[in-house]
Amino acid sequence: MISVARVQMSSGDIDLGSYKENVIKMFSVIHKSVEMMSYRYQEEFKRFNYVTPTSYLELIKMYRKVLNQKR
């Protein structure tokens, strides 16, 4: 997951400076925490929330979009 985020964040339009590695690690932490909460959601409410590789890529894409808008 770290290498996927590193590739996705390597394009020239995003400059995070010294924060880049921390932001990349953050993506993995967020995705894993959503997986854990989805499991809890399923156990408690008997409903499914699927966390897929595509949702991980969408997380990175949305971060890039919001960052560009804020800048």
N, C-alpha and C. Protein backbone atom coordinates (compact mmCIF):
# COMPACT_ATOMS: atom_id res chain seq x y z
N MET A 1 0.82 -1.19 0.00
CA MET A 1 0.00 0.00 0.00
C MET A 1 0.87 1.26 0.00
N ILE A 2 1.98 1.19 0.70
CA ILE A 2 2.89 2.34 0.75
C ILE A 2 3.44 2.63 -0.63
N SER A 3 3.85 1.60 -1.34
CA SER A 3 4.43 1.81 -2.68
C SER A 3 3.40 2.34 -3.66
N VAL A 4 2.16 1.90 -3.53
CA VAL A 4 1.10 2.42 -4.41
C VAL A 4 0.90 3.91 -4.15
N ALA A 5 0.84 4.30 -2.89
CA ALA A 5 0.68 5.71 -2.55
C ALA A 5 1.88 6.52 -3.02
N ARG A 6 3.06 5.96 -2.88
CA ARG A 6 4.28 6.67 -3.31
C ARG A 6 4.23 6.96 -4.81
N VAL A 7 3.79 5.98 -5.59
CA VAL A 7 3.69 6.17 -7.04
C VAL A 7 2.61 7.20 -7.37
N GLN A 8 1.46 7.10 -6.71
CA GLN A 8 0.36 8.02 -6.97
C GLN A 8 0.71 9.46 -6.59
N MET A 9 1.54 9.63 -5.57
CA MET A 9 1.89 10.97 -5.11
C MET A 9 3.18 11.50 -5.73
N SER A 10 3.75 10.77 -6.67
CA SER A 10 5.03 11.17 -7.24
C SER A 10 4.91 12.15 -8.40
N SER A 11 3.72 12.44 -8.86
CA SER A 11 3.59 13.36 -9.99
C SER A 11 4.00 14.78 -9.57
N GLY A 12 4.37 15.56 -10.53
CA GLY A 12 4.94 16.87 -10.27
C GLY A 12 4.00 17.92 -9.72
N ASP A 13 2.68 17.74 -9.84
CA ASP A 13 1.77 18.79 -9.40
C ASP A 13 1.55 18.80 -7.89
N ILE A 14 2.06 17.81 -7.17
CA ILE A 14 1.92 17.75 -5.72
C ILE A 14 3.30 17.84 -5.10
N ASP A 15 3.54 18.91 -4.34
CA ASP A 15 4.81 19.06 -3.63
C ASP A 15 4.50 19.14 -2.14
N LEU A 16 4.84 18.08 -1.43
CA LEU A 16 4.58 18.03 0.00
C LEU A 16 5.83 18.25 0.83
N GLY A 17 6.95 18.41 0.15
CA GLY A 17 8.20 18.67 0.86
C GLY A 17 8.55 17.57 1.84
N SER A 18 8.90 17.96 3.05
CA SER A 18 9.32 17.00 4.07
C SER A 18 8.16 16.19 4.62
N TYR A 19 6.93 16.55 4.30
CA TYR A 19 5.75 15.84 4.80
C TYR A 19 5.35 14.64 3.94
N LYS A 20 5.98 14.49 2.80
CA LYS A 20 5.55 13.49 1.83
C LYS A 20 5.46 12.08 2.42
N GLU A 21 6.51 11.61 3.08
CA GLU A 21 6.50 10.25 3.62
C GLU A 21 5.43 10.08 4.70
N ASN A 22 5.22 11.09 5.52
CA ASN A 22 4.18 11.02 6.55
C ASN A 22 2.79 10.97 5.95
N VAL A 23 2.58 11.73 4.89
CA VAL A 23 1.28 11.71 4.21
C VAL A 23 1.05 10.34 3.57
N ILE A 24 2.08 9.78 2.99
CA ILE A 24 1.97 8.46 2.36
C ILE A 24 1.62 7.41 3.42
N LYS A 25 2.26 7.46 4.57
CA LYS A 25 1.95 6.52 5.66
C LYS A 25 0.52 6.74 6.17
N MET A 26 0.09 7.99 6.17
CA MET A 26 -1.26 8.32 6.63
C MET A 26 -2.32 7.60 5.79
N PHE A 27 -2.11 7.52 4.48
CA PHE A 27 -3.07 6.83 3.62
C PHE A 27 -3.26 5.39 4.06
N SER A 28 -2.17 4.72 4.36
CA SER A 28 -2.24 3.33 4.80
C SER A 28 -2.97 3.21 6.14
N VAL A 29 -2.68 4.10 7.06
CA VAL A 29 -3.33 4.07 8.37
C VAL A 29 -4.83 4.30 8.23
N ILE A 30 -5.21 5.25 7.41
CA ILE A 30 -6.63 5.54 7.20
C ILE A 30 -7.34 4.32 6.60
N HIS A 31 -6.74 3.74 5.58
CA HIS A 31 -7.37 2.60 4.91
C HIS A 31 -7.53 1.42 5.87
N LYS A 32 -6.50 1.14 6.65
CA LYS A 32 -6.57 0.03 7.60
C LYS A 32 -7.60 0.30 8.69
N SER A 33 -7.70 1.54 9.13
CA SER A 33 -8.69 1.84 10.18
C SER A 33 -10.12 1.73 9.63
N VAL A 34 -10.32 2.09 8.38
CA VAL A 34 -11.64 1.92 7.76
C VAL A 34 -11.97 0.44 7.64
N GLU A 35 -10.99 -0.38 7.32
CA GLU A 35 -11.21 -1.83 7.27
C GLU A 35 -11.65 -2.36 8.63
N MET A 36 -10.96 -1.93 9.68
CA MET A 36 -11.30 -2.40 11.03
C MET A 36 -12.69 -1.93 11.43
N MET A 37 -13.02 -0.69 11.15
CA MET A 37 -14.34 -0.18 11.51
C MET A 37 -15.43 -0.84 10.68
N SER A 38 -15.14 -1.20 9.45
CA SER A 38 -16.11 -1.90 8.61
C SER A 38 -16.41 -3.28 9.19
N TYR A 39 -15.38 -3.92 9.72
CA TYR A 39 -15.59 -5.22 10.36
C TYR A 39 -16.49 -5.05 11.59
N ARG A 40 -16.20 -4.04 12.40
CA ARG A 40 -17.04 -3.77 13.58
C ARG A 40 -18.47 -3.46 13.18
N TYR A 41 -18.62 -2.68 12.13
CA TYR A 41 -19.94 -2.33 11.61
C TYR A 41 -20.71 -3.58 11.22
N GLN A 42 -20.02 -4.49 10.56
CA GLN A 42 -20.65 -5.75 10.15
C GLN A 42 -21.05 -6.57 11.38
N GLU A 43 -20.19 -6.65 12.36
CA GLU A 43 -20.48 -7.43 13.56
C GLU A 43 -21.65 -6.85 14.35
N GLU A 44 -21.68 -5.55 14.48
CA GLU A 44 -22.70 -4.90 15.31
C GLU A 44 -24.05 -4.76 14.60
N PHE A 45 -24.03 -4.39 13.35
CA PHE A 45 -25.27 -4.07 12.64
C PHE A 45 -25.65 -5.07 11.55
N LYS A 46 -24.78 -6.05 11.34
CA LYS A 46 -25.03 -7.07 10.31
C LYS A 46 -25.18 -6.49 8.91
N ARG A 47 -24.46 -5.41 8.68
CA ARG A 47 -24.46 -4.77 7.35
C ARG A 47 -23.03 -4.70 6.85
N PHE A 48 -22.90 -4.75 5.55
CA PHE A 48 -21.58 -4.78 4.96
C PHE A 48 -21.16 -3.42 4.42
N ASN A 49 -19.89 -3.11 4.59
CA ASN A 49 -19.25 -1.96 3.97
C ASN A 49 -17.95 -2.50 3.38
N TYR A 50 -17.86 -2.51 2.08
CA TYR A 50 -16.70 -3.10 1.43
C TYR A 50 -15.58 -2.08 1.28
N VAL A 51 -14.39 -2.50 1.65
CA VAL A 51 -13.19 -1.69 1.52
C VAL A 51 -12.31 -2.40 0.50
N THR A 52 -12.12 -1.76 -0.63
CA THR A 52 -11.44 -2.40 -1.76
C THR A 52 -10.18 -1.63 -2.15
N PRO A 53 -9.35 -2.22 -2.98
CA PRO A 53 -8.20 -1.47 -3.50
C PRO A 53 -8.62 -0.20 -4.24
N THR A 54 -9.76 -0.25 -4.89
CA THR A 54 -10.26 0.95 -5.58
C THR A 54 -10.58 2.05 -4.58
N SER A 55 -11.12 1.68 -3.43
CA SER A 55 -11.41 2.72 -2.42
C SER A 55 -10.13 3.35 -1.90
N TYR A 56 -9.04 2.58 -1.85
CA TYR A 56 -7.74 3.13 -1.46
C TYR A 56 -7.25 4.15 -2.49
N LEU A 57 -7.37 3.79 -3.75
CA LEU A 57 -6.97 4.72 -4.81
C LEU A 57 -7.85 5.98 -4.81
N GLU A 58 -9.13 5.81 -4.52
CA GLU A 58 -10.04 6.95 -4.44
C GLU A 58 -9.67 7.88 -3.28
N LEU A 59 -9.23 7.31 -2.17
CA LEU A 59 -8.76 8.11 -1.04
C LEU A 59 -7.61 9.00 -1.46
N ILE A 60 -6.64 8.45 -2.15
CA ILE A 60 -5.48 9.22 -2.60
C ILE A 60 -5.91 10.27 -3.62
N LYS A 61 -6.77 9.89 -4.53
CA LYS A 61 -7.26 10.82 -5.55
C LYS A 61 -7.99 12.00 -4.91
N MET A 62 -8.83 11.70 -3.93
CA MET A 62 -9.58 12.77 -3.26
C MET A 62 -8.65 13.69 -2.47
N TYR A 63 -7.64 13.13 -1.84
CA TYR A 63 -6.66 13.95 -1.11
C TYR A 63 -5.98 14.92 -2.08
N ARG A 64 -5.56 14.40 -3.22
CA ARG A 64 -4.89 15.26 -4.21
C ARG A 64 -5.83 16.37 -4.69
N LYS A 65 -7.08 16.02 -4.93
CA LYS A 65 -8.06 16.99 -5.41
C LYS A 65 -8.29 18.10 -4.38
N VAL A 66 -8.50 17.70 -3.13
CA VAL A 66 -8.76 18.70 -2.07
C VAL A 66 -7.52 19.56 -1.84
N LEU A 67 -6.35 18.94 -1.85
CA LEU A 67 -5.11 19.70 -1.67
C LEU A 67 -4.94 20.75 -2.76
N ASN A 68 -5.18 20.36 -4.01
CA ASN A 68 -5.09 21.31 -5.12
C ASN A 68 -6.10 22.44 -5.00
N GLN A 69 -7.33 22.11 -4.57
CA GLN A 69 -8.35 23.14 -4.38
C GLN A 69 -7.97 24.12 -3.28
N LYS A 70 -7.42 23.60 -2.21
CA LYS A 70 -7.05 24.46 -1.08
C LYS A 70 -5.86 25.35 -1.43
N ARG A 71 -4.99 24.87 -2.28
CA ARG A 71 -3.84 25.68 -2.67
C ARG A 71 -4.27 26.73 -3.66
